[in-house]
């Protein structure tokens, strides 16, 4: 198969892009939607956390854009059976701390780092489909995604969710500090010059404040089914149009 044909085939692989601010629950939702559809899953945030983790471990400061970009370009990462591995080491818990979350936000603001990780993220697009979560999945990484969802909730709701998540893992947490950090990160992610956090289209927004995980998953799956039907009807109309013009 030639490169052009291969690229065209991958372009037809459906993508569900779920974006949203920190602690909006997008990772949990994306994983469950992927499982329900039998699709692959991409946690883009993990790539930035891994980059920050690897950089700091190598003695490279998070605000050293050129240095971090070099780390990102050679990141020995793998996601076997749901684990997050860096050079064969399971670092899933190590990259989920609040300190690493803040470092990842700083790292993600560097254009050179985002460029280094772009093609690596796109490589996850494989049959039968992909569900990806992050902050620029629908706007930059997969602008042609079949379905784009912007999952959100108030900062207070998200802080409470993150607090409970950390406590359940036995990690130290302070609710007031988490809320402050979330607001700081929201401002940084929304205000950065490259790939800022944004909803894109109003119809993409899904407010999860008063919804359970199961309800959000059901809504996303229904939106996907509708998107598939719309795409199919569009193709049928296009085929019909071509026949009439021949």
C-alpha atoms as a PDB file:
ATOM      1  CA  UNK A   1       0.000   0.000   0.000  1.00  0.00           C
ATOM      2  CA  UNK A   2       1.459   3.374  -1.015  1.00  0.00           C
ATOM      3  CA  UNK A   3       1.818   6.199   1.517  1.00  0.00           C
ATOM      4  CA  UNK A   4      -0.989   8.183  -0.099  1.00  0.00           C
ATOM      5  CA  UNK A   5      -3.426   5.270  -0.045  1.00  0.00           C
ATOM      6  CA  UNK A   6      -2.414   4.426   3.528  1.00  0.00           C
ATOM      7  CA  UNK A   7      -2.996   8.024   4.653  1.00  0.00           C
ATOM      8  CA  UNK A   8      -6.369   8.128   2.917  1.00  0.00           C
ATOM      9  CA  UNK A   9      -7.396   4.888   4.624  1.00  0.00           C
ATOM     10  CA  UNK A  10      -6.430   6.232   8.053  1.00  0.00           C
ATOM     11  CA  UNK A  11      -8.330   9.452   7.362  1.00  0.00           C
ATOM     12  CA  UNK A  12     -11.501   7.355   7.131  1.00  0.00           C
ATOM     13  CA  UNK A  13     -10.944   5.821  10.584  1.00  0.00           C
ATOM     14  CA  UNK A  14     -13.518   7.457  12.890  1.00  0.00           C
ATOM     15  CA  UNK A  15     -12.258   9.600  15.747  1.00  0.00           C
ATOM     16  CA  UNK A  16     -14.145  10.835  18.793  1.00  0.00           C
ATOM     17  CA  UNK A  17     -12.269  13.817  20.234  1.00  0.00           C
ATOM     18  CA  UNK A  18     -13.091  14.634  23.848  1.00  0.00           C
ATOM     19  CA  UNK A  19     -11.561  17.856  25.125  1.00  0.00           C
ATOM     20  CA  UNK A  20     -12.008  19.730  28.354  1.00  0.00           C
ATOM     21  CA  UNK A  21     -10.299  21.381  31.311  1.00  0.00           C
ATOM     22  CA  UNK A  22      -8.405  19.606  34.072  1.00  0.00           C
ATOM     23  CA  UNK A  23     -10.454  17.155  36.166  1.00  0.00           C
ATOM     24  CA  UNK A  24     -13.508  17.399  33.904  1.00  0.00           C
ATOM     25  CA  UNK A  25     -13.636  13.602  33.794  1.00  0.00           C
ATOM     26  CA  UNK A  26     -12.724  13.380  30.119  1.00  0.00           C
ATOM     27  CA  UNK A  27     -10.264  10.533  30.666  1.00  0.00           C
ATOM     28  CA  UNK A  28     -12.778   8.322  32.437  1.00  0.00           C
ATOM     29  CA  UNK A  29     -15.468   9.105  29.868  1.00  0.00           C
ATOM     30  CA  UNK A  30     -13.142   8.546  26.916  1.00  0.00           C
ATOM     31  CA  UNK A  31     -11.987   5.176  28.238  1.00  0.00           C
ATOM     32  CA  UNK A  32     -15.543   3.971  28.785  1.00  0.00           C
ATOM     33  CA  UNK A  33     -16.708   5.178  25.371  1.00  0.00           C
ATOM     34  CA  UNK A  34     -13.721   3.458  23.743  1.00  0.00           C
ATOM     35  CA  UNK A  35     -14.518   0.233  25.587  1.00  0.00           C
ATOM     36  CA  UNK A  36     -18.177   0.393  24.565  1.00  0.00           C
ATOM     37  CA  UNK A  37     -17.275   0.821  20.885  1.00  0.00           C
ATOM     38  CA  UNK A  38     -14.213  -1.414  20.834  1.00  0.00           C
ATOM     39  CA  UNK A  39     -12.061   1.557  19.788  1.00  0.00           C
ATOM     40  CA  UNK A  40      -8.473   2.427  20.642  1.00  0.00           C
ATOM     41  CA  UNK A  41      -7.896   5.058  23.338  1.00  0.00           C
ATOM     42  CA  UNK A  42      -5.422   7.949  23.485  1.00  0.00           C
ATOM     43  CA  UNK A  43      -4.731   9.804  26.719  1.00  0.00           C
ATOM     44  CA  UNK A  44      -2.903  12.801  25.271  1.00  0.00           C
ATOM     45  CA  UNK A  45      -2.495  14.320  28.707  1.00  0.00           C
ATOM     46  CA  UNK A  46      -0.385  11.331  29.699  1.00  0.00           C
ATOM     47  CA  UNK A  47       2.073  12.186  26.921  1.00  0.00           C
ATOM     48  CA  UNK A  48       2.552  15.688  28.306  1.00  0.00           C
ATOM     49  CA  UNK A  49       2.795  14.397  31.868  1.00  0.00           C
ATOM     50  CA  UNK A  50       5.329  11.814  30.718  1.00  0.00           C
ATOM     51  CA  UNK A  51       7.303  14.502  28.938  1.00  0.00           C
ATOM     52  CA  UNK A  52       7.354  16.659  32.071  1.00  0.00           C
ATOM     53  CA  UNK A  53       8.260  13.659  34.223  1.00  0.00           C
ATOM     54  CA  UNK A  54      11.076  12.549  31.908  1.00  0.00           C
ATOM     55  CA  UNK A  55      12.404  16.099  31.587  1.00  0.00           C
ATOM     56  CA  UNK A  56      12.525  16.698  35.329  1.00  0.00           C
ATOM     57  CA  UNK A  57      14.125  13.294  35.854  1.00  0.00           C
ATOM     58  CA  UNK A  58      16.781  14.255  33.301  1.00  0.00           C
ATOM     59  CA  UNK A  59      17.408  17.555  35.045  1.00  0.00           C
ATOM     60  CA  UNK A  60      15.627  19.648  32.413  1.00  0.00           C
ATOM     61  CA  UNK A  61      13.420  22.408  33.838  1.00  0.00           C
ATOM     62  CA  UNK A  62       9.783  22.496  32.708  1.00  0.00           C
ATOM     63  CA  UNK A  63      10.220  26.048  31.398  1.00  0.00           C
ATOM     64  CA  UNK A  64      13.243  25.088  29.255  1.00  0.00           C
ATOM     65  CA  UNK A  65      11.339  24.833  25.963  1.00  0.00           C
ATOM     66  CA  UNK A  66      14.200  23.634  23.704  1.00  0.00           C
ATOM     67  CA  UNK A  67      15.389  21.104  26.256  1.00  0.00           C
ATOM     68  CA  UNK A  68      11.921  19.701  26.892  1.00  0.00           C
ATOM     69  CA  UNK A  69      11.249  19.470  23.144  1.00  0.00           C
ATOM     70  CA  UNK A  70      14.310  17.245  22.772  1.00  0.00           C
ATOM     71  CA  UNK A  71      12.995  15.010  25.568  1.00  0.00           C
ATOM     72  CA  UNK A  72       9.558  14.858  23.933  1.00  0.00           C
ATOM     73  CA  UNK A  73      11.014  13.860  20.584  1.00  0.00           C
ATOM     74  CA  UNK A  74      12.757  10.818  22.032  1.00  0.00           C
ATOM     75  CA  UNK A  75      10.217   9.797  24.666  1.00  0.00           C
ATOM     76  CA  UNK A  76      10.434   5.977  25.213  1.00  0.00           C
ATOM     77  CA  UNK A  77       6.741   5.588  26.047  1.00  0.00           C
ATOM     78  CA  UNK A  78       4.373   2.637  25.770  1.00  0.00           C
ATOM     79  CA  UNK A  79       0.813   1.893  26.912  1.00  0.00           C
ATOM     80  CA  UNK A  80       0.685  -1.918  27.266  1.00  0.00           C
ATOM     81  CA  UNK A  81      -2.586  -3.320  28.626  1.00  0.00           C
ATOM     82  CA  UNK A  82      -3.665  -0.027  30.117  1.00  0.00           C
ATOM     83  CA  UNK A  83      -0.353   0.730  31.846  1.00  0.00           C
ATOM     84  CA  UNK A  84       1.699   3.865  31.281  1.00  0.00           C
ATOM     85  CA  UNK A  85       5.351   2.964  30.852  1.00  0.00           C
ATOM     86  CA  UNK A  86       8.446   5.091  30.427  1.00  0.00           C
ATOM     87  CA  UNK A  87      11.422   3.046  29.214  1.00  0.00           C
ATOM     88  CA  UNK A  88       9.681  -0.070  30.526  1.00  0.00           C
ATOM     89  CA  UNK A  89       8.932   1.391  33.968  1.00  0.00           C
ATOM     90  CA  UNK A  90       5.307   1.712  35.103  1.00  0.00           C
ATOM     91  CA  UNK A  91       4.944   5.402  36.007  1.00  0.00           C
ATOM     92  CA  UNK A  92       1.149   5.640  35.948  1.00  0.00           C
ATOM     93  CA  UNK A  93       0.858   6.804  39.542  1.00  0.00           C
ATOM     94  CA  UNK A  94       3.993   8.962  39.485  1.00  0.00           C
ATOM     95  CA  UNK A  95       2.683  11.197  36.679  1.00  0.00           C
ATOM     96  CA  UNK A  96      -0.740  11.710  38.283  1.00  0.00           C
ATOM     97  CA  UNK A  97       0.383  13.887  41.195  1.00  0.00           C
ATOM     98  CA  UNK A  98      -0.714  17.535  41.359  1.00  0.00           C
ATOM     99  CA  UNK A  99       2.916  18.655  41.034  1.00  0.00           C
ATOM    100  CA  UNK A 100       3.262  16.728  37.781  1.00  0.00           C
ATOM    101  CA  UNK A 101      -0.075  18.087  36.603  1.00  0.00           C
ATOM    102  CA  UNK A 102       1.227  21.627  37.001  1.00  0.00           C
ATOM    103  CA  UNK A 103       4.529  20.767  35.310  1.00  0.00           C
ATOM    104  CA  UNK A 104       2.636  19.205  32.394  1.00  0.00           C
ATOM    105  CA  UNK A 105       0.646  22.410  31.959  1.00  0.00           C
ATOM    106  CA  UNK A 106       3.876  24.414  31.706  1.00  0.00           C
ATOM    107  CA  UNK A 107       5.396  21.912  29.274  1.00  0.00           C
ATOM    108  CA  UNK A 108       2.259  21.834  27.098  1.00  0.00           C
ATOM    109  CA  UNK A 109       2.478  25.582  26.533  1.00  0.00           C
ATOM    110  CA  UNK A 110       5.728  25.221  24.537  1.00  0.00           C
ATOM    111  CA  UNK A 111       5.025  25.187  20.756  1.00  0.00           C
ATOM    112  CA  UNK A 112       8.123  23.052  20.103  1.00  0.00           C
ATOM    113  CA  UNK A 113       6.914  20.389  22.532  1.00  0.00           C
ATOM    114  CA  UNK A 114       3.434  20.303  21.030  1.00  0.00           C
ATOM    115  CA  UNK A 115       4.965  19.945  17.571  1.00  0.00           C
ATOM    116  CA  UNK A 116       7.204  17.096  18.737  1.00  0.00           C
ATOM    117  CA  UNK A 117       4.229  15.165  20.101  1.00  0.00           C
ATOM    118  CA  UNK A 118       1.745  15.895  17.295  1.00  0.00           C
ATOM    119  CA  UNK A 119       2.541  13.019  14.936  1.00  0.00           C
ATOM    120  CA  UNK A 120       2.972  10.632  17.850  1.00  0.00           C
ATOM    121  CA  UNK A 121      -0.611  11.363  18.857  1.00  0.00           C
ATOM    122  CA  UNK A 122      -1.942  11.025  15.313  1.00  0.00           C
ATOM    123  CA  UNK A 123      -0.299   7.608  15.039  1.00  0.00           C
ATOM    124  CA  UNK A 124      -2.890   6.287  17.500  1.00  0.00           C
ATOM    125  CA  UNK A 125      -5.541   6.623  14.756  1.00  0.00           C
ATOM    126  CA  UNK A 126      -5.988   2.984  13.779  1.00  0.00           C
ATOM    127  CA  UNK A 127      -8.991   0.807  12.789  1.00  0.00           C
ATOM    128  CA  UNK A 128     -11.646   0.301  13.928  1.00  0.00           C
ATOM    129  CA  UNK A 129     -11.583   3.763  15.541  1.00  0.00           C
ATOM    130  CA  UNK A 130     -10.082   6.029  18.189  1.00  0.00           C
ATOM    131  CA  UNK A 131     -11.348   7.923  21.219  1.00  0.00           C
ATOM    132  CA  UNK A 132      -8.866  10.590  22.270  1.00  0.00           C
ATOM    133  CA  UNK A 133      -8.993  12.979  25.192  1.00  0.00           C
ATOM    134  CA  UNK A 134      -7.053  16.158  25.853  1.00  0.00           C
ATOM    135  CA  UNK A 135      -7.257  19.889  25.303  1.00  0.00           C
ATOM    136  CA  UNK A 136      -6.722  20.260  21.562  1.00  0.00           C
ATOM    137  CA  UNK A 137      -7.848  16.912  20.185  1.00  0.00           C
ATOM    138  CA  UNK A 138     -10.672  18.358  18.114  1.00  0.00           C
ATOM    139  CA  UNK A 139      -9.047  21.682  17.249  1.00  0.00           C
ATOM    140  CA  UNK A 140      -5.478  20.661  16.328  1.00  0.00           C
ATOM    141  CA  UNK A 141      -4.666  16.954  16.511  1.00  0.00           C
ATOM    142  CA  UNK A 142      -7.813  15.560  14.862  1.00  0.00           C
ATOM    143  CA  UNK A 143      -9.643  18.529  13.303  1.00  0.00           C
ATOM    144  CA  UNK A 144     -11.557  16.084  11.077  1.00  0.00           C
ATOM    145  CA  UNK A 145     -12.860  14.042  14.029  1.00  0.00           C
ATOM    146  CA  UNK A 146     -16.289  12.570  13.362  1.00  0.00           C
ATOM    147  CA  UNK A 147     -17.454  13.699  16.785  1.00  0.00           C
ATOM    148  CA  UNK A 148     -16.078  16.505  18.948  1.00  0.00           C
ATOM    149  CA  UNK A 149     -17.075  16.829  22.593  1.00  0.00           C
ATOM    150  CA  UNK A 150     -16.034  19.563  25.009  1.00  0.00           C
ATOM    151  CA  UNK A 151     -16.629  18.157  28.482  1.00  0.00           C
ATOM    152  CA  UNK A 152     -16.823  20.728  31.226  1.00  0.00           C
ATOM    153  CA  UNK A 153     -17.934  21.409  34.805  1.00  0.00           C
ATOM    154  CA  UNK A 154     -17.438  24.223  37.292  1.00  0.00           C
ATOM    155  CA  UNK A 155     -14.034  24.601  38.912  1.00  0.00           C
ATOM    156  CA  UNK A 156     -15.595  23.740  42.264  1.00  0.00           C
ATOM    157  CA  UNK A 157     -17.069  20.481  40.982  1.00  0.00           C
ATOM    158  CA  UNK A 158     -13.825  19.518  39.303  1.00  0.00           C
ATOM    159  CA  UNK A 159     -11.792  20.303  42.411  1.00  0.00           C
ATOM    160  CA  UNK A 160     -14.026  18.058  44.515  1.00  0.00           C
ATOM    161  CA  UNK A 161     -13.681  15.239  41.980  1.00  0.00           C
ATOM    162  CA  UNK A 162      -9.892  15.540  41.913  1.00  0.00           C
ATOM    163  CA  UNK A 163      -9.762  15.699  45.728  1.00  0.00           C
ATOM    164  CA  UNK A 164     -11.775  12.484  46.063  1.00  0.00           C
ATOM    165  CA  UNK A 165      -9.679  10.799  43.375  1.00  0.00           C
ATOM    166  CA  UNK A 166      -6.430  11.600  45.157  1.00  0.00           C
ATOM    167  CA  UNK A 167      -7.774  10.607  48.574  1.00  0.00           C
ATOM    168  CA  UNK A 168      -8.979   7.256  47.209  1.00  0.00           C
ATOM    169  CA  UNK A 169      -5.439   6.601  45.970  1.00  0.00           C
ATOM    170  CA  UNK A 170      -4.045   7.416  49.414  1.00  0.00           C
ATOM    171  CA  UNK A 171      -2.332  10.590  48.194  1.00  0.00           C
ATOM    172  CA  UNK A 172      -2.161  13.792  50.235  1.00  0.00           C
ATOM    173  CA  UNK A 173      -4.611  16.429  49.024  1.00  0.00           C
ATOM    174  CA  UNK A 174      -5.964  19.825  50.041  1.00  0.00           C
ATOM    175  CA  UNK A 175      -9.250  20.928  48.479  1.00  0.00           C
ATOM    176  CA  UNK A 176      -8.537  24.672  48.623  1.00  0.00           C
ATOM    177  CA  UNK A 177      -5.110  24.168  47.056  1.00  0.00           C
ATOM    178  CA  UNK A 178      -6.557  21.961  44.312  1.00  0.00           C
ATOM    179  CA  UNK A 179      -9.210  24.569  43.483  1.00  0.00           C
ATOM    180  CA  UNK A 180      -6.567  27.297  43.260  1.00  0.00           C
ATOM    181  CA  UNK A 181      -4.354  25.145  41.041  1.00  0.00           C
ATOM    182  CA  UNK A 182      -7.278  24.272  38.753  1.00  0.00           C
ATOM    183  CA  UNK A 183      -8.178  27.915  38.251  1.00  0.00           C
ATOM    184  CA  UNK A 184      -4.537  28.769  37.571  1.00  0.00           C
ATOM    185  CA  UNK A 185      -4.241  25.970  35.050  1.00  0.00           C
ATOM    186  CA  UNK A 186      -7.534  26.867  33.376  1.00  0.00           C
ATOM    187  CA  UNK A 187      -6.232  30.406  32.836  1.00  0.00           C
ATOM    188  CA  UNK A 188      -2.896  29.144  31.493  1.00  0.00           C
ATOM    189  CA  UNK A 189      -4.458  26.544  29.183  1.00  0.00           C
ATOM    190  CA  UNK A 190      -7.063  28.952  27.823  1.00  0.00           C
ATOM    191  CA  UNK A 191      -4.642  31.829  27.372  1.00  0.00           C
ATOM    192  CA  UNK A 192      -1.666  30.123  25.747  1.00  0.00           C
ATOM    193  CA  UNK A 193      -0.766  31.242  22.238  1.00  0.00           C
ATOM    194  CA  UNK A 194      -0.612  27.735  20.738  1.00  0.00           C
ATOM    195  CA  UNK A 195      -3.622  25.385  20.765  1.00  0.00           C
ATOM    196  CA  UNK A 196      -5.510  27.135  23.587  1.00  0.00           C
ATOM    197  CA  UNK A 197      -8.220  25.236  25.432  1.00  0.00           C
ATOM    198  CA  UNK A 198     -11.488  26.106  23.723  1.00  0.00           C
ATOM    199  CA  UNK A 199     -14.859  24.536  23.051  1.00  0.00           C
ATOM    200  CA  UNK A 200     -14.814  25.276  19.333  1.00  0.00           C
ATOM    201  CA  UNK A 201     -18.516  24.886  18.506  1.00  0.00           C
ATOM    202  CA  UNK A 202     -21.276  25.487  21.085  1.00  0.00           C
ATOM    203  CA  UNK A 203     -22.920  22.177  20.190  1.00  0.00           C
ATOM    204  CA  UNK A 204     -19.773  20.347  21.303  1.00  0.00           C
ATOM    205  CA  UNK A 205     -20.146  21.471  24.928  1.00  0.00           C
ATOM    206  CA  UNK A 206     -21.332  18.866  27.426  1.00  0.00           C
ATOM    207  CA  UNK A 207     -21.783  20.169  30.973  1.00  0.00           C
ATOM    208  CA  UNK A 208     -21.320  17.292  33.412  1.00  0.00           C
ATOM    209  CA  UNK A 209     -22.022  19.176  36.650  1.00  0.00           C
ATOM    210  CA  UNK A 210     -25.272  17.353  37.387  1.00  0.00           C
ATOM    211  CA  UNK A 211     -24.606  14.153  35.446  1.00  0.00           C
ATOM    212  CA  UNK A 212     -23.236  10.776  36.494  1.00  0.00           C
ATOM    213  CA  UNK A 213     -20.420   9.098  34.585  1.00  0.00           C
ATOM    214  CA  UNK A 214     -22.913   6.638  33.097  1.00  0.00           C
ATOM    215  CA  UNK A 215     -25.165   9.468  31.895  1.00  0.00           C
ATOM    216  CA  UNK A 216     -22.290  11.317  30.240  1.00  0.00           C
ATOM    217  CA  UNK A 217     -21.115   8.127  28.494  1.00  0.00           C
ATOM    218  CA  UNK A 218     -24.646   7.502  27.226  1.00  0.00           C
ATOM    219  CA  UNK A 219     -24.878  11.034  25.840  1.00  0.00           C
ATOM    220  CA  UNK A 220     -21.525  10.775  24.056  1.00  0.00           C
ATOM    221  CA  UNK A 221     -22.466   7.412  22.542  1.00  0.00           C
ATOM    222  CA  UNK A 222     -25.778   8.813  21.327  1.00  0.00           C
ATOM    223  CA  UNK A 223     -24.030  11.831  19.800  1.00  0.00           C
ATOM    224  CA  UNK A 224     -21.669   9.431  18.042  1.00  0.00           C
ATOM    225  CA  UNK A 225     -24.536   7.357  16.642  1.00  0.00           C
ATOM    226  CA  UNK A 226     -26.138  10.526  15.320  1.00  0.00           C
ATOM    227  CA  UNK A 227     -22.831  11.639  13.762  1.00  0.00           C
ATOM    228  CA  UNK A 228     -22.468   8.271  12.027  1.00  0.00           C
ATOM    229  CA  UNK A 229     -25.996   8.514  10.619  1.00  0.00           C
ATOM    230  CA  UNK A 230     -25.405  12.072   9.403  1.00  0.00           C
ATOM    231  CA  UNK A 231     -22.129  11.058   7.770  1.00  0.00           C
ATOM    232  CA  UNK A 232     -23.782   8.059   6.085  1.00  0.00           C
ATOM    233  CA  UNK A 233     -26.667  10.160   4.774  1.00  0.00           C
ATOM    234  CA  UNK A 234     -24.201  12.733   3.471  1.00  0.00           C
ATOM    235  CA  UNK A 235     -22.267  10.087   1.579  1.00  0.00           C
ATOM    236  CA  UNK A 236     -25.486   8.692   0.128  1.00  0.00           C
ATOM    237  CA  UNK A 237     -26.575  12.145  -0.994  1.00  0.00           C
ATOM    238  CA  UNK A 238     -23.144  12.786  -2.497  1.00  0.00           C
ATOM    239  CA  UNK A 239     -23.201   9.500  -4.408  1.00  0.00           C
ATOM    240  CA  UNK A 240     -26.677  10.262  -5.669  1.00  0.00           C
ATOM    241  CA  UNK A 241     -25.598  13.685  -6.779  1.00  0.00           C
ATOM    242  CA  UNK A 242     -22.689  12.275  -8.758  1.00  0.00           C
ATOM    243  CA  UNK A 243     -24.976   9.815 -10.524  1.00  0.00           C
ATOM    244  CA  UNK A 244     -27.393  12.537 -11.544  1.00  0.00           C
ATOM    245  CA  UNK A 245     -24.592  14.635 -12.997  1.00  0.00           C
ATOM    246  CA  UNK A 246     -23.063  11.809 -15.060  1.00  0.00           C
END
